[in-house]
Amino acid sequence: MAFFFCRLVAPRATFPGDMTPREAEAMHAHAAYWQGALGRTVLAVGPVLDPAGAWGLGLISVADAGEAQAFTQADPVAAAGLGFRYEIHPMPQLSLAPAAAPVPATSPIPAQ
């Protein structure tokens, strides 16, 4: 298996503050898609509150770069034609916390 860092780039720096109803629908489908693959393909997923513009982070474990590309292209938000795109980067090494050390599902950091 190979590890990949997937960055979901929003269509504009002001997203999600000015999300349209169509984008909101696509984002709900996007969240369900990634959450549904947790523990199989997806190792970690979540939003990043970058001051330059929010973006999505996904860490995946797949056979190769082609499978990483196929997984992100099948994401409903990427397939919706709304301007979202993925940057995919191989990770030659990834260290994971042991299963006995649970990580909280949400961060105590407040949204900005």
PDB file of N, CA and C in Angstrom:
ATOM      1  N   MET A   1       0.832  -1.181   0.000  1.00  0.00           N
ATOM      2  CA  MET A   1       0.000   0.000   0.000  1.00  0.00           C
ATOM      3  C   MET A   1       0.880   1.250   0.000  1.00  0.00           C
ATOM      4  N   ALA A   2       0.320   2.323  -0.538  1.00  0.00           N
ATOM      5  CA  ALA A   2       1.018   3.606  -0.590  1.00  0.00           C
ATOM      6  C   ALA A   2       0.157   4.664   0.100  1.00  0.00           C
ATOM      7  N   PHE A   3       0.823   5.653   0.681  1.00  0.00           N
ATOM      8  CA  PHE A   3       0.125   6.731   1.377  1.00  0.00           C
ATOM      9  C   PHE A   3       0.155   7.999   0.536  1.00  0.00           C
ATOM     10  N   PHE A   4      -0.956   8.745   0.584  1.00  0.00           N
ATOM     11  CA  PHE A   4      -1.058   9.999  -0.154  1.00  0.00           C
ATOM     12  C   PHE A   4      -1.732  11.063   0.700  1.00  0.00           C
ATOM     13  N   PHE A   5      -1.204  12.280   0.593  1.00  0.00           N
ATOM     14  CA  PHE A   5      -1.812  13.463   1.189  1.00  0.00           C
ATOM     15  C   PHE A   5      -2.669  14.089   0.099  1.00  0.00           C
ATOM     16  N   CYS A   6      -3.937  14.272   0.377  1.00  0.00           N
ATOM     17  CA  CYS A   6      -4.866  14.855  -0.590  1.00  0.00           C
ATOM     18  C   CYS A   6      -5.367  16.184  -0.043  1.00  0.00           C
ATOM     19  N   ARG A   7      -5.178  17.224  -0.810  1.00  0.00           N
ATOM     20  CA  ARG A   7      -5.629  18.557  -0.405  1.00  0.00           C
ATOM     21  C   ARG A   7      -6.769  18.971  -1.319  1.00  0.00           C
ATOM     22  N   LEU A   8      -7.939  19.192  -0.727  1.00  0.00           N
ATOM     23  CA  LEU A   8      -9.090  19.682  -1.486  1.00  0.00           C
ATOM     24  C   LEU A   8      -9.032  21.203  -1.497  1.00  0.00           C
ATOM     25  N   VAL A   9      -8.898  21.767  -2.683  1.00  0.00           N
ATOM     26  CA  VAL A   9      -8.816  23.211  -2.859  1.00  0.00           C
ATOM     27  C   VAL A   9     -10.201  23.723  -3.241  1.00  0.00           C
ATOM     28  N   ALA A  10     -10.681  24.698  -2.490  1.00  0.00           N
ATOM     29  CA  ALA A  10     -12.002  25.282  -2.734  1.00  0.00           C
ATOM     30  C   ALA A  10     -11.968  26.192  -3.963  1.00  0.00           C
ATOM     31  N   PRO A  11     -13.125  26.500  -4.521  1.00  0.00           N
ATOM     32  CA  PRO A  11     -13.158  27.325  -5.726  1.00  0.00           C
ATOM     33  C   PRO A  11     -12.771  28.789  -5.505  1.00  0.00           C
ATOM     34  N   ARG A  12     -12.721  29.241  -4.224  1.00  0.00           N
ATOM     35  CA  ARG A  12     -12.357  30.632  -3.935  1.00  0.00           C
ATOM     36  C   ARG A  12     -11.911  30.727  -2.477  1.00  0.00           C
ATOM     37  N   ALA A  13     -11.127  31.741  -2.171  1.00  0.00           N
ATOM     38  CA  ALA A  13     -10.570  31.906  -0.824  1.00  0.00           C
ATOM     39  C   ALA A  13     -11.639  32.212   0.222  1.00  0.00           C
ATOM     40  N   THR A  14     -12.783  32.721  -0.183  1.00  0.00           N
ATOM     41  CA  THR A  14     -13.845  33.088   0.757  1.00  0.00           C
ATOM     42  C   THR A  14     -14.724  31.904   1.153  1.00  0.00           C
ATOM     43  N   PHE A  15     -14.523  30.750   0.522  1.00  0.00           N
ATOM     44  CA  PHE A  15     -15.279  29.542   0.857  1.00  0.00           C
ATOM     45  C   PHE A  15     -14.799  29.022   2.206  1.00  0.00           C
ATOM     46  N   PRO A  16     -15.615  28.562   3.109  1.00  0.00           N
ATOM     47  CA  PRO A  16     -17.042  28.275   3.027  1.00  0.00           C
ATOM     48  C   PRO A  16     -17.951  29.407   3.494  1.00  0.00           C
ATOM     49  N   GLY A  17     -17.379  30.578   3.798  1.00  0.00           N
ATOM     50  CA  GLY A  17     -18.185  31.681   4.307  1.00  0.00           C
ATOM     51  C   GLY A  17     -19.299  32.131   3.392  1.00  0.00           C
ATOM     52  N   ASP A  18     -19.135  31.909   2.097  1.00  0.00           N
ATOM     53  CA  ASP A  18     -20.156  32.327   1.132  1.00  0.00           C
ATOM     54  C   ASP A  18     -20.647  31.137   0.301  1.00  0.00           C
ATOM     55  N   MET A  19     -20.742  29.993   0.940  1.00  0.00           N
ATOM     56  CA  MET A  19     -21.152  28.752   0.276  1.00  0.00           C
ATOM     57  C   MET A  19     -22.566  28.878  -0.299  1.00  0.00           C
ATOM     58  N   THR A  20     -22.723  28.452  -1.545  1.00  0.00           N
ATOM     59  CA  THR A  20     -24.042  28.457  -2.178  1.00  0.00           C
ATOM     60  C   THR A  20     -24.812  27.198  -1.767  1.00  0.00           C
ATOM     61  N   PRO A  21     -26.131  27.181  -1.952  1.00  0.00           N
ATOM     62  CA  PRO A  21     -26.892  25.971  -1.639  1.00  0.00           C
ATOM     63  C   PRO A  21     -26.398  24.748  -2.422  1.00  0.00           C
ATOM     64  N   ARG A  22     -26.031  24.935  -3.674  1.00  0.00           N
ATOM     65  CA  ARG A  22     -25.527  23.818  -4.485  1.00  0.00           C
ATOM     66  C   ARG A  22     -24.190  23.306  -3.935  1.00  0.00           C
ATOM     67  N   GLU A  23     -23.328  24.228  -3.520  1.00  0.00           N
ATOM     68  CA  GLU A  23     -22.056  23.831  -2.917  1.00  0.00           C
ATOM     69  C   GLU A  23     -22.279  23.118  -1.587  1.00  0.00           C
ATOM     70  N   ALA A  24     -23.235  23.597  -0.794  1.00  0.00           N
ATOM     71  CA  ALA A  24     -23.535  22.958   0.491  1.00  0.00           C
ATOM     72  C   ALA A  24     -24.001  21.524   0.282  1.00  0.00           C
ATOM     73  N   GLU A  25     -24.830  21.309  -0.714  1.00  0.00           N
ATOM     74  CA  GLU A  25     -25.306  19.955  -1.028  1.00  0.00           C
ATOM     75  C   GLU A  25     -24.133  19.058  -1.428  1.00  0.00           C
ATOM     76  N   ALA A  26     -23.248  19.590  -2.268  1.00  0.00           N
ATOM     77  CA  ALA A  26     -22.077  18.819  -2.703  1.00  0.00           C
ATOM     78  C   ALA A  26     -21.142  18.541  -1.526  1.00  0.00           C
ATOM     79  N   MET A  27     -21.001  19.494  -0.612  1.00  0.00           N
ATOM     80  CA  MET A  27     -20.132  19.296   0.550  1.00  0.00           C
ATOM     81  C   MET A  27     -20.699  18.243   1.500  1.00  0.00           C
ATOM     82  N   HIS A  28     -22.010  18.177   1.634  1.00  0.00           N
ATOM     83  CA  HIS A  28     -22.615  17.122   2.462  1.00  0.00           C
ATOM     84  C   HIS A  28     -22.314  15.747   1.862  1.00  0.00           C
ATOM     85  N   ALA A  29     -22.437  15.640   0.536  1.00  0.00           N
ATOM     86  CA  ALA A  29     -22.127  14.373  -0.140  1.00  0.00           C
ATOM     87  C   ALA A  29     -20.633  14.059  -0.016  1.00  0.00           C
ATOM     88  N   HIS A  30     -19.795  15.078  -0.104  1.00  0.00           N
ATOM     89  CA  HIS A  30     -18.341  14.933   0.056  1.00  0.00           C
ATOM     90  C   HIS A  30     -18.012  14.374   1.442  1.00  0.00           C
ATOM     91  N   ALA A  31     -18.606  14.952   2.479  1.00  0.00           N
ATOM     92  CA  ALA A  31     -18.347  14.494   3.850  1.00  0.00           C
ATOM     93  C   ALA A  31     -18.777  13.044   4.025  1.00  0.00           C
ATOM     94  N   ALA A  32     -19.927  12.685   3.493  1.00  0.00           N
ATOM     95  CA  ALA A  32     -20.413  11.303   3.600  1.00  0.00           C
ATOM     96  C   ALA A  32     -19.483  10.342   2.860  1.00  0.00           C
ATOM     97  N   TYR A  33     -18.978  10.759   1.705  1.00  0.00           N
ATOM     98  CA  TYR A  33     -18.061   9.933   0.905  1.00  0.00           C
ATOM     99  C   TYR A  33     -16.794   9.616   1.696  1.00  0.00           C
ATOM    100  N   TRP A  34     -16.155  10.641   2.258  1.00  0.00           N
ATOM    101  CA  TRP A  34     -14.913  10.440   3.003  1.00  0.00           C
ATOM    102  C   TRP A  34     -15.163   9.710   4.312  1.00  0.00           C
ATOM    103  N   GLN A  35     -16.212  10.070   5.045  1.00  0.00           N
ATOM    104  CA  GLN A  35     -16.521   9.384   6.305  1.00  0.00           C
ATOM    105  C   GLN A  35     -16.828   7.910   6.056  1.00  0.00           C
ATOM    106  N   GLY A  36     -17.468   7.618   4.944  1.00  0.00           N
ATOM    107  CA  GLY A  36     -17.792   6.239   4.604  1.00  0.00           C
ATOM    108  C   GLY A  36     -16.573   5.382   4.309  1.00  0.00           C
ATOM    109  N   ALA A  37     -15.459   6.015   3.962  1.00  0.00           N
ATOM    110  CA  ALA A  37     -14.229   5.278   3.646  1.00  0.00           C
ATOM    111  C   ALA A  37     -13.235   5.264   4.810  1.00  0.00           C
ATOM    112  N   LEU A  38     -13.591   5.886   5.939  1.00  0.00           N
ATOM    113  CA  LEU A  38     -12.705   5.879   7.114  1.00  0.00           C
ATOM    114  C   LEU A  38     -12.443   4.453   7.573  1.00  0.00           C
ATOM    115  N   GLY A  39     -11.179   4.169   7.854  1.00  0.00           N
ATOM    116  CA  GLY A  39     -10.819   2.837   8.325  1.00  0.00           C
ATOM    117  C   GLY A  39     -10.536   1.858   7.200  1.00  0.00           C
ATOM    118  N   ARG A  40     -10.865   2.229   5.977  1.00  0.00           N
ATOM    119  CA  ARG A  40     -10.534   1.389   4.820  1.00  0.00           C
ATOM    120  C   ARG A  40      -9.501   2.142   3.984  1.00  0.00           C
ATOM    121  N   THR A  41      -9.948   3.053   3.174  1.00  0.00           N
ATOM    122  CA  THR A  41      -9.056   3.867   2.345  1.00  0.00           C
ATOM    123  C   THR A  41      -8.552   5.084   3.109  1.00  0.00           C
ATOM    124  N   VAL A  42      -9.414   5.697   3.881  1.00  0.00           N
ATOM    125  CA  VAL A  42      -9.120   6.967   4.551  1.00  0.00           C
ATOM    126  C   VAL A  42      -8.548   6.737   5.947  1.00  0.00           C
ATOM    127  N   LEU A  43      -7.378   7.336   6.197  1.00  0.00           N
ATOM    128  CA  LEU A  43      -6.738   7.272   7.510  1.00  0.00           C
ATOM    129  C   LEU A  43      -7.126   8.467   8.372  1.00  0.00           C
ATOM    130  N   ALA A  44      -7.270   9.630   7.750  1.00  0.00           N
ATOM    131  CA  ALA A  44      -7.645  10.860   8.453  1.00  0.00           C
ATOM    132  C   ALA A  44      -8.237  11.829   7.440  1.00  0.00           C
ATOM    133  N   VAL A  45      -9.161  12.656   7.912  1.00  0.00           N
ATOM    134  CA  VAL A  45      -9.801  13.631   7.034  1.00  0.00           C
ATOM    135  C   VAL A  45     -10.331  14.780   7.882  1.00  0.00           C
ATOM    136  N   GLY A  46     -10.324  15.980   7.322  1.00  0.00           N
ATOM    137  CA  GLY A  46     -10.895  17.116   8.035  1.00  0.00           C
ATOM    138  C   GLY A  46     -10.550  18.440   7.382  1.00  0.00           C
ATOM    139  N   PRO A  47     -11.262  19.491   7.797  1.00  0.00           N
ATOM    140  CA  PRO A  47     -11.001  20.826   7.259  1.00  0.00           C
ATOM    141  C   PRO A  47      -9.803  21.480   7.939  1.00  0.00           C
ATOM    142  N   VAL A  48      -9.148  22.365   7.205  1.00  0.00           N
ATOM    143  CA  VAL A  48      -8.020  23.141   7.721  1.00  0.00           C
ATOM    144  C   VAL A  48      -8.402  24.615   7.610  1.00  0.00           C
ATOM    145  N   LEU A  49      -8.365  25.329   8.735  1.00  0.00           N
ATOM    146  CA  LEU A  49      -8.728  26.745   8.745  1.00  0.00           C
ATOM    147  C   LEU A  49      -7.492  27.604   8.493  1.00  0.00           C
ATOM    148  N   ASP A  50      -7.080  27.648   7.246  1.00  0.00           N
ATOM    149  CA  ASP A  50      -5.928  28.436   6.810  1.00  0.00           C
ATOM    150  C   ASP A  50      -6.379  29.891   6.636  1.00  0.00           C
ATOM    151  N   PRO A  51      -5.660  30.877   7.192  1.00  0.00           N
ATOM    152  CA  PRO A  51      -6.049  32.276   7.007  1.00  0.00           C
ATOM    153  C   PRO A  51      -6.120  32.691   5.534  1.00  0.00           C
ATOM    154  N   ALA A  52      -5.378  32.011   4.675  1.00  0.00           N
ATOM    155  CA  ALA A  52      -5.406  32.318   3.249  1.00  0.00           C
ATOM    156  C   ALA A  52      -6.609  31.700   2.544  1.00  0.00           C
ATOM    157  N   GLY A  53      -7.348  30.865   3.245  1.00  0.00           N
ATOM    158  CA  GLY A  53      -8.511  30.183   2.672  1.00  0.00           C
ATOM    159  C   GLY A  53      -8.568  28.752   3.160  1.00  0.00           C
ATOM    160  N   ALA A  54      -9.730  28.350   3.629  1.00  0.00           N
ATOM    161  CA  ALA A  54      -9.902  26.992   4.157  1.00  0.00           C
ATOM    162  C   ALA A  54      -9.692  25.959   3.053  1.00  0.00           C
ATOM    163  N   TRP A  55      -9.211  24.788   3.455  1.00  0.00           N
ATOM    164  CA  TRP A  55      -9.041  23.683   2.516  1.00  0.00           C
ATOM    165  C   TRP A  55      -9.230  22.377   3.267  1.00  0.00           C
ATOM    166  N   GLY A  56      -9.377  21.302   2.519  1.00  0.00           N
ATOM    167  CA  GLY A  56      -9.606  20.001   3.125  1.00  0.00           C
ATOM    168  C   GLY A  56      -8.370  19.127   3.068  1.00  0.00           C
ATOM    169  N   LEU A  57      -8.161  18.352   4.141  1.00  0.00           N
ATOM    170  CA  LEU A  57      -7.028  17.446   4.240  1.00  0.00           C
ATOM    171  C   LEU A  57      -7.540  16.018   4.297  1.00  0.00           C
ATOM    172  N   GLY A  58      -6.944  15.168   3.497  1.00  0.00           N
ATOM    173  CA  GLY A  58      -7.238  13.744   3.563  1.00  0.00           C
ATOM    174  C   GLY A  58      -5.955  12.950   3.467  1.00  0.00           C
ATOM    175  N   LEU A  59      -5.804  11.956   4.318  1.00  0.00           N
ATOM    176  CA  LEU A  59      -4.685  11.017   4.232  1.00  0.00           C
ATOM    177  C   LEU A  59      -5.278   9.677   3.851  1.00  0.00           C
ATOM    178  N   ILE A  60      -4.787   9.116   2.746  1.00  0.00           N
ATOM    179  CA  ILE A  60      -5.345   7.858   2.260  1.00  0.00           C
ATOM    180  C   ILE A  60      -4.264   6.806   2.063  1.00  0.00           C
ATOM    181  N   SER A  61      -4.693   5.558   2.095  1.00  0.00           N
ATOM    182  CA  SER A  61      -3.827   4.411   1.848  1.00  0.00           C
ATOM    183  C   SER A  61      -4.447   3.629   0.696  1.00  0.00           C
ATOM    184  N   VAL A  62      -3.752   3.619  -0.434  1.00  0.00           N
ATOM    185  CA  VAL A  62      -4.237   2.948  -1.641  1.00  0.00           C
ATOM    186  C   VAL A  62      -3.074   2.220  -2.318  1.00  0.00           C
ATOM    187  N   ALA A  63      -3.360   1.496  -3.374  1.00  0.00           N
ATOM    188  CA  ALA A  63      -2.329   0.713  -4.054  1.00  0.00           C
ATOM    189  C   ALA A  63      -1.284   1.581  -4.753  1.00  0.00           C
ATOM    190  N   ASP A  64      -1.741   2.674  -5.388  1.00  0.00           N
ATOM    191  CA  ASP A  64      -0.820   3.482  -6.181  1.00  0.00           C
ATOM    192  C   ASP A  64      -1.436   4.845  -6.485  1.00  0.00           C
ATOM    193  N   ALA A  65      -0.680   5.680  -7.214  1.00  0.00           N
ATOM    194  CA  ALA A  65      -1.130   7.030  -7.550  1.00  0.00           C
ATOM    195  C   ALA A  65      -2.407   7.019  -8.386  1.00  0.00           C
ATOM    196  N   GLY A  66      -2.551   6.035  -9.244  1.00  0.00           N
ATOM    197  CA  GLY A  66      -3.763   5.939 -10.051  1.00  0.00           C
ATOM    198  C   GLY A  66      -5.001   5.726  -9.201  1.00  0.00           C
ATOM    199  N   GLU A  67      -4.862   4.899  -8.174  1.00  0.00           N
ATOM    200  CA  GLU A  67      -5.990   4.662  -7.274  1.00  0.00           C
ATOM    201  C   GLU A  67      -6.289   5.911  -6.438  1.00  0.00           C
ATOM    202  N   ALA A  68      -5.257   6.654  -6.054  1.00  0.00           N
ATOM    203  CA  ALA A  68      -5.466   7.912  -5.326  1.00  0.00           C
ATOM    204  C   ALA A  68      -6.225   8.900  -6.200  1.00  0.00           C
ATOM    205  N   GLN A  69      -5.835   8.980  -7.461  1.00  0.00           N
ATOM    206  CA  GLN A  69      -6.512   9.869  -8.414  1.00  0.00           C
ATOM    207  C   GLN A  69      -7.969   9.446  -8.589  1.00  0.00           C
ATOM    208  N   ALA A  70      -8.205   8.169  -8.739  1.00  0.00           N
ATOM    209  CA  ALA A  70      -9.569   7.665  -8.921  1.00  0.00           C
ATOM    210  C   ALA A  70     -10.426   7.941  -7.690  1.00  0.00           C
ATOM    211  N   PHE A  71      -9.852   7.763  -6.496  1.00  0.00           N
ATOM    212  CA  PHE A  71     -10.610   8.002  -5.267  1.00  0.00           C
ATOM    213  C   PHE A  71     -11.037   9.461  -5.170  1.00  0.00           C
ATOM    214  N   THR A  72     -10.123  10.391  -5.435  1.00  0.00           N
ATOM    215  CA  THR A  72     -10.471  11.809  -5.325  1.00  0.00           C
ATOM    216  C   THR A  72     -11.402  12.253  -6.449  1.00  0.00           C
ATOM    217  N   GLN A  73     -11.243  11.705  -7.648  1.00  0.00           N
ATOM    218  CA  GLN A  73     -12.135  12.060  -8.753  1.00  0.00           C
ATOM    219  C   GLN A  73     -13.559  11.586  -8.505  1.00  0.00           C
ATOM    220  N   ALA A  74     -13.713  10.506  -7.740  1.00  0.00           N
ATOM    221  CA  ALA A  74     -15.044   9.982  -7.430  1.00  0.00           C
ATOM    222  C   ALA A  74     -15.726  10.756  -6.301  1.00  0.00           C
ATOM    223  N   ASP A  75     -14.999  11.636  -5.631  1.00  0.00           N
ATOM    224  CA  ASP A  75     -15.581  12.461  -4.573  1.00  0.00           C
ATOM    225  C   ASP A  75     -16.688  13.321  -5.196  1.00  0.00           C
ATOM    226  N   PRO A  76     -17.894  13.288  -4.633  1.00  0.00           N
ATOM    227  CA  PRO A  76     -19.001  14.062  -5.209  1.00  0.00           C
ATOM    228  C   PRO A  76     -18.712  15.553  -5.375  1.00  0.00           C
ATOM    229  N   VAL A  77     -17.945  16.157  -4.473  1.00  0.00           N
ATOM    230  CA  VAL A  77     -17.680  17.589  -4.607  1.00  0.00           C
ATOM    231  C   VAL A  77     -16.725  17.859  -5.775  1.00  0.00           C
ATOM    232  N   ALA A  78     -15.807  16.947  -6.049  1.00  0.00           N
ATOM    233  CA  ALA A  78     -14.895  17.112  -7.183  1.00  0.00           C
ATOM    234  C   ALA A  78     -15.616  16.846  -8.498  1.00  0.00           C
ATOM    235  N   ALA A  79     -16.544  15.908  -8.473  1.00  0.00           N
ATOM    236  CA  ALA A  79     -17.274  15.533  -9.689  1.00  0.00           C
ATOM    237  C   ALA A  79     -18.419  16.487 -10.015  1.00  0.00           C
ATOM    238  N   ALA A  80     -18.766  17.393  -9.098  1.00  0.00           N
ATOM    239  CA  ALA A  80     -19.935  18.264  -9.275  1.00  0.00           C
ATOM    240  C   ALA A  80     -19.713  19.407 -10.260  1.00  0.00           C
ATOM    241  N   GLY A  81     -18.473  19.648 -10.659  1.00  0.00           N
ATOM    242  CA  GLY A  81     -18.206  20.732 -11.599  1.00  0.00           C
ATOM    243  C   GLY A  81     -18.374  22.114 -10.989  1.00  0.00           C
ATOM    244  N   LEU A  82     -18.057  22.245  -9.700  1.00  0.00           N
ATOM    245  CA  LEU A  82     -18.233  23.515  -8.996  1.00  0.00           C
ATOM    246  C   LEU A  82     -16.918  24.254  -8.756  1.00  0.00           C
ATOM    247  N   GLY A  83     -15.829  23.749  -9.319  1.00  0.00           N
ATOM    248  CA  GLY A  83     -14.538  24.417  -9.185  1.00  0.00           C
ATOM    249  C   GLY A  83     -13.629  23.873  -8.103  1.00  0.00           C
ATOM    250  N   PHE A  84     -14.068  22.835  -7.393  1.00  0.00           N
ATOM    251  CA  PHE A  84     -13.205  22.200  -6.398  1.00  0.00           C
ATOM    252  C   PHE A  84     -12.198  21.321  -7.130  1.00  0.00           C
ATOM    253  N   ARG A  85     -10.984  21.238  -6.597  1.00  0.00           N
ATOM    254  CA  ARG A  85      -9.975  20.381  -7.213  1.00  0.00           C
ATOM    255  C   ARG A  85      -9.084  19.797  -6.125  1.00  0.00           C
ATOM    256  N   TYR A  86      -8.432  18.711  -6.451  1.00  0.00           N
ATOM    257  CA  TYR A  86      -7.523  18.048  -5.522  1.00  0.00           C
ATOM    258  C   TYR A  86      -6.084  18.210  -5.955  1.00  0.00           C
ATOM    259  N   GLU A  87      -5.216  18.392  -4.966  1.00  0.00           N
ATOM    260  CA  GLU A  87      -3.777  18.242  -5.129  1.00  0.00           C
ATOM    261  C   GLU A  87      -3.440  16.949  -4.400  1.00  0.00           C
ATOM    262  N   ILE A  88      -2.728  16.049  -5.052  1.00  0.00           N
ATOM    263  CA  ILE A  88      -2.403  14.746  -4.470  1.00  0.00           C
ATOM    264  C   ILE A  88      -0.885  14.606  -4.411  1.00  0.00           C
ATOM    265  N   HIS A  89      -0.380  14.285  -3.220  1.00  0.00           N
ATOM    266  CA  HIS A  89       1.063  14.180  -3.018  1.00  0.00           C
ATOM    267  C   HIS A  89       1.403  12.853  -2.346  1.00  0.00           C
ATOM    268  N   PRO A  90       2.362  12.097  -2.910  1.00  0.00           N
ATOM    269  CA  PRO A  90       2.767  10.836  -2.278  1.00  0.00           C
ATOM    270  C   PRO A  90       3.514  11.097  -0.974  1.00  0.00           C
ATOM    271  N   MET A  91       3.332  10.199  -0.039  1.00  0.00           N
ATOM    272  CA  MET A  91       4.032  10.256   1.250  1.00  0.00           C
ATOM    273  C   MET A  91       4.871   8.990   1.365  1.00  0.00           C
ATOM    274  N   PRO A  92       6.193   9.093   1.257  1.00  0.00           N
ATOM    275  CA  PRO A  92       7.024   7.892   1.302  1.00  0.00           C
ATOM    276  C   PRO A  92       7.008   7.199   2.659  1.00  0.00           C
ATOM    277  N   GLN A  93       6.590   7.920   3.687  1.00  0.00           N
ATOM    278  CA  GLN A  93       6.533   7.337   5.029  1.00  0.00           C
ATOM    279  C   GLN A  93       5.417   8.025   5.798  1.00  0.00           C
ATOM    280  N   LEU A  94       4.737   7.268   6.649  1.00  0.00           N
ATOM    281  CA  LEU A  94       3.689   7.822   7.504  1.00  0.00           C
ATOM    282  C   LEU A  94       3.699   7.084   8.832  1.00  0.00           C
ATOM    283  N   SER A  95       3.813   7.816   9.913  1.00  0.00           N
ATOM    284  CA  SER A  95       3.760   7.229  11.253  1.00  0.00           C
ATOM    285  C   SER A  95       2.369   7.471  11.820  1.00  0.00           C
ATOM    286  N   LEU A  96       1.770   6.428  12.357  1.00  0.00           N
ATOM    287  CA  LEU A  96       0.430   6.518  12.920  1.00  0.00           C
ATOM    288  C   LEU A  96       0.466   6.212  14.408  1.00  0.00           C
ATOM    289  N   ALA A  97      -0.421   6.848  15.148  1.00  0.00           N
ATOM    290  CA  ALA A  97      -0.550   6.542  16.574  1.00  0.00           C
ATOM    291  C   ALA A  97      -1.082   5.127  16.710  1.00  0.00           C
ATOM    292  N   PRO A  98      -0.668   4.411  17.755  1.00  0.00           N
ATOM    293  CA  PRO A  98      -1.200   3.062  17.960  1.00  0.00           C
ATOM    294  C   PRO A  98      -2.710   3.107  18.191  1.00  0.00           C
ATOM    295  N   ALA A  99      -3.368   2.042  17.815  1.00  0.00           N
ATOM    296  CA  ALA A  99      -4.827   1.973  17.959  1.00  0.00           C
ATOM    297  C   ALA A  99      -5.258   2.139  19.409  1.00  0.00           C
ATOM    298  N   ALA A 100      -4.401   1.792  20.342  1.00  0.00           N
ATOM    299  CA  ALA A 100      -4.747   1.898  21.764  1.00  0.00           C
ATOM    300  C   ALA A 100      -4.721   3.341  22.257  1.00  0.00           C
ATOM    301  N   ALA A 101      -4.216   4.269  21.449  1.00  0.00           N
ATOM    302  CA  ALA A 101      -4.148   5.677  21.840  1.00  0.00           C
ATOM    303  C   ALA A 101      -5.124   6.480  20.994  1.00  0.00           C
ATOM    304  N   PRO A 102      -6.396   6.516  21.388  1.00  0.00           N
ATOM    305  CA  PRO A 102      -7.390   7.206  20.559  1.00  0.00           C
ATOM    306  C   PRO A 102      -7.125   8.707  20.465  1.00  0.00           C
ATOM    307  N   VAL A 103      -7.444   9.241  19.323  1.00  0.00           N
ATOM    308  CA  VAL A 103      -7.318  10.672  19.065  1.00  0.00           C
ATOM    309  C   VAL A 103      -8.731  11.240  19.029  1.00  0.00           C
ATOM    310  N   PRO A 104      -8.974  12.401  19.648  1.00  0.00           N
ATOM    311  CA  PRO A 104     -10.328  12.959  19.610  1.00  0.00           C
ATOM    312  C   PRO A 104     -10.778  13.220  18.184  1.00  0.00           C
ATOM    313  N   ALA A 105     -12.052  13.012  17.921  1.00  0.00           N
ATOM    314  CA  ALA A 105     -12.600  13.216  16.581  1.00  0.00           C
ATOM    315  C   ALA A 105     -12.696  14.690  16.236  1.00  0.00           C
ATOM    316  N   THR A 106     -12.795  15.546  17.228  1.00  0.00           N
ATOM    317  CA  THR A 106     -12.874  16.978  16.968  1.00  0.00           C
ATOM    318  C   THR A 106     -11.836  17.704  17.796  1.00  0.00           C
ATOM    319  N   SER A 107     -11.429  18.839  17.306  1.00  0.00           N
ATOM    320  CA  SER A 107     -10.413  19.645  17.965  1.00  0.00           C
ATOM    321  C   SER A 107     -11.071  20.671  18.878  1.00  0.00           C
ATOM    322  N   PRO A 108     -10.414  21.030  19.980  1.00  0.00           N
ATOM    323  CA  PRO A 108     -10.971  22.078  20.832  1.00  0.00           C
ATOM    324  C   PRO A 108     -10.755  23.477  20.262  1.00  0.00           C
ATOM    325  N   ILE A 109     -10.099  23.582  19.104  1.00  0.00           N
ATOM    326  CA  ILE A 109      -9.836  24.883  18.491  1.00  0.00           C
ATOM    327  C   ILE A 109     -11.148  25.442  17.954  1.00  0.00           C
ATOM    328  N   PRO A 110     -11.540  26.649  18.360  1.00  0.00           N
ATOM    329  CA  PRO A 110     -12.794  27.224  17.864  1.00  0.00           C
ATOM    330  C   PRO A 110     -12.663  27.648  16.410  1.00  0.00           C
ATOM    331  N   ALA A 111     -13.759  27.575  15.678  1.00  0.00           N
ATOM    332  CA  ALA A 111     -13.787  28.026  14.287  1.00  0.00           C
ATOM    333  C   ALA A 111     -13.555  29.530  14.256  1.00  0.00           C
ATOM    334  N   GLN A 112     -12.881  29.986  13.203  1.00  0.00           N
ATOM    335  CA  GLN A 112     -12.597  31.423  13.082  1.00  0.00           C
ATOM    336  C   GLN A 112     -13.594  32.097  12.192  1.00  0.00           C
TER     337      GLN A 112
END
